[in-house]
Amino acid sequence: MHSLRTFSLVLLAVASAAFGCKSEESKPGKWFTCSCPYLTDFDGMAKHSLDVCVPEGTKPVDAARGCASKLAHGPVETCTCEPPGEACDGLKACKSNEYK
């Protein structure tokens, strides 16, 4: 019974490596500076400014909103982004311009 379990684990590891566990490939991308309004704890509006690196073909406003949702202190509205800036490696990343 022990050898059957060991065989199953080895088979599962080989199958995962061969079929499903690919690492995310880096595609060229650009940095965007975005501003994301959010509702504060006191029902007032505020904005969070951040830079997002997004791969080509990805909407920067979507990446910015997802990032700002983790950084802002309330529900985030639709973000606005400036035209693209410098090139980046294309892996989704963000940097807050509020917390330095």
Protein backbone atom coordinates (compact mmCIF):
# COMPACT_ATOMS: atom_id res chain seq x y z
CA MET A 1 0.00 0.00 0.00
CA HIS A 2 2.86 2.38 0.82
CA SER A 3 4.51 1.81 -2.56
CA LEU A 4 1.23 2.46 -4.38
CA ARG A 5 0.89 5.83 -2.63
CA THR A 6 4.51 6.72 -3.45
CA PHE A 7 3.97 5.74 -7.09
CA SER A 8 0.81 7.89 -7.23
CA LEU A 9 2.63 10.91 -5.82
CA VAL A 10 5.48 10.53 -8.32
CA LEU A 11 3.01 10.15 -11.19
CA LEU A 12 1.12 13.26 -10.07
CA ALA A 13 4.34 15.29 -9.88
CA VAL A 14 5.39 14.21 -13.38
CA ALA A 15 1.95 14.98 -14.83
CA SER A 16 1.90 18.43 -13.18
CA ALA A 17 5.32 19.27 -14.55
CA ALA A 18 4.44 18.08 -18.03
CA PHE A 19 0.94 19.53 -18.43
CA GLY A 20 -0.08 22.26 -16.07
CA CYS A 21 2.46 24.12 -14.02
CA LYS A 22 3.89 26.61 -16.44
CA SER A 23 5.44 29.74 -15.05
CA GLU A 24 4.10 33.09 -16.21
CA GLU A 25 6.07 34.25 -19.22
CA SER A 26 7.30 37.80 -19.29
CA LYS A 27 5.85 39.88 -22.13
CA PRO A 28 6.85 43.45 -22.93
CA GLY A 29 4.79 46.00 -21.07
CA LYS A 30 4.60 49.65 -20.06
CA TRP A 31 4.34 51.63 -16.83
CA PHE A 32 1.17 53.71 -16.45
CA THR A 33 0.52 56.37 -13.81
CA CYS A 34 -3.07 56.07 -12.66
CA SER A 35 -5.42 57.80 -10.26
CA CYS A 36 -8.15 55.81 -8.55
CA PRO A 37 -10.95 57.54 -6.62
CA TYR A 38 -12.37 55.72 -3.62
CA LEU A 39 -14.98 56.26 -0.94
CA THR A 40 -13.42 56.92 2.48
CA ASP A 41 -14.61 55.72 5.88
CA PHE A 42 -16.32 59.11 6.31
CA ASP A 43 -18.27 58.84 3.01
CA GLY A 44 -16.01 61.38 1.32
CA MET A 45 -14.13 60.88 -1.92
CA ALA A 46 -10.35 60.57 -2.05
CA LYS A 47 -7.88 59.47 -4.75
CA HIS A 48 -5.01 57.02 -4.67
CA SER A 49 -2.19 57.58 -7.15
CA LEU A 50 -0.13 54.60 -8.30
CA ASP A 51 2.07 53.29 -11.10
CA VAL A 52 1.18 49.96 -12.70
CA CYS A 53 3.23 47.76 -15.01
CA VAL A 54 0.96 45.89 -17.40
CA PRO A 55 1.73 43.55 -20.30
CA GLU A 56 0.73 44.59 -23.80
CA GLY A 57 -2.94 43.91 -24.45
CA THR A 58 -3.97 44.43 -20.82
CA LYS A 59 -6.12 47.38 -19.81
CA PRO A 60 -4.16 49.55 -17.37
CA VAL A 61 -7.36 50.79 -15.67
CA ASP A 62 -8.27 47.22 -14.71
CA ALA A 63 -4.79 46.54 -13.31
CA ALA A 64 -4.82 49.87 -11.45
CA ARG A 65 -8.24 49.24 -9.91
CA GLY A 66 -7.19 45.79 -8.70
CA CYS A 67 -4.04 47.19 -7.17
CA ALA A 68 -5.75 50.22 -5.64
CA SER A 69 -8.39 47.97 -4.08
CA LYS A 70 -5.62 46.48 -1.95
CA LEU A 71 -4.12 49.87 -1.05
CA ALA A 72 -7.06 52.26 -0.62
CA HIS A 73 -9.10 52.52 2.56
CA GLY A 74 -12.47 52.08 0.87
CA PRO A 75 -14.29 50.89 -2.28
CA VAL A 76 -12.43 51.94 -5.44
CA GLU A 77 -14.22 53.55 -8.38
CA THR A 78 -13.04 53.44 -12.02
CA CYS A 79 -9.42 54.56 -12.37
CA THR A 80 -8.00 56.90 -15.00
CA CYS A 81 -4.52 56.40 -16.43
CA GLU A 82 -2.11 58.67 -18.25
CA PRO A 83 -0.50 57.59 -21.54
CA PRO A 84 2.12 54.85 -21.16
CA GLY A 85 5.59 55.69 -19.92
CA GLU A 86 8.75 53.62 -19.68
CA ALA A 87 8.95 49.98 -20.68
CA CYS A 88 8.67 47.29 -17.98
CA ASP A 89 9.01 43.51 -17.97
CA GLY A 90 5.27 43.08 -18.43
CA LEU A 91 4.64 41.17 -15.22
CA LYS A 92 1.78 42.83 -13.40
CA ALA A 93 3.16 45.05 -10.65
CA CYS A 94 2.18 48.24 -8.91
CA LYS A 95 3.81 50.95 -6.85
CA SER A 96 1.89 53.35 -4.66
CA ASN A 97 2.72 57.02 -5.10
CA GLU A 98 1.04 57.70 -1.75
CA TYR A 99 3.18 55.47 0.49
CA LYS A 100 6.87 56.04 -0.18
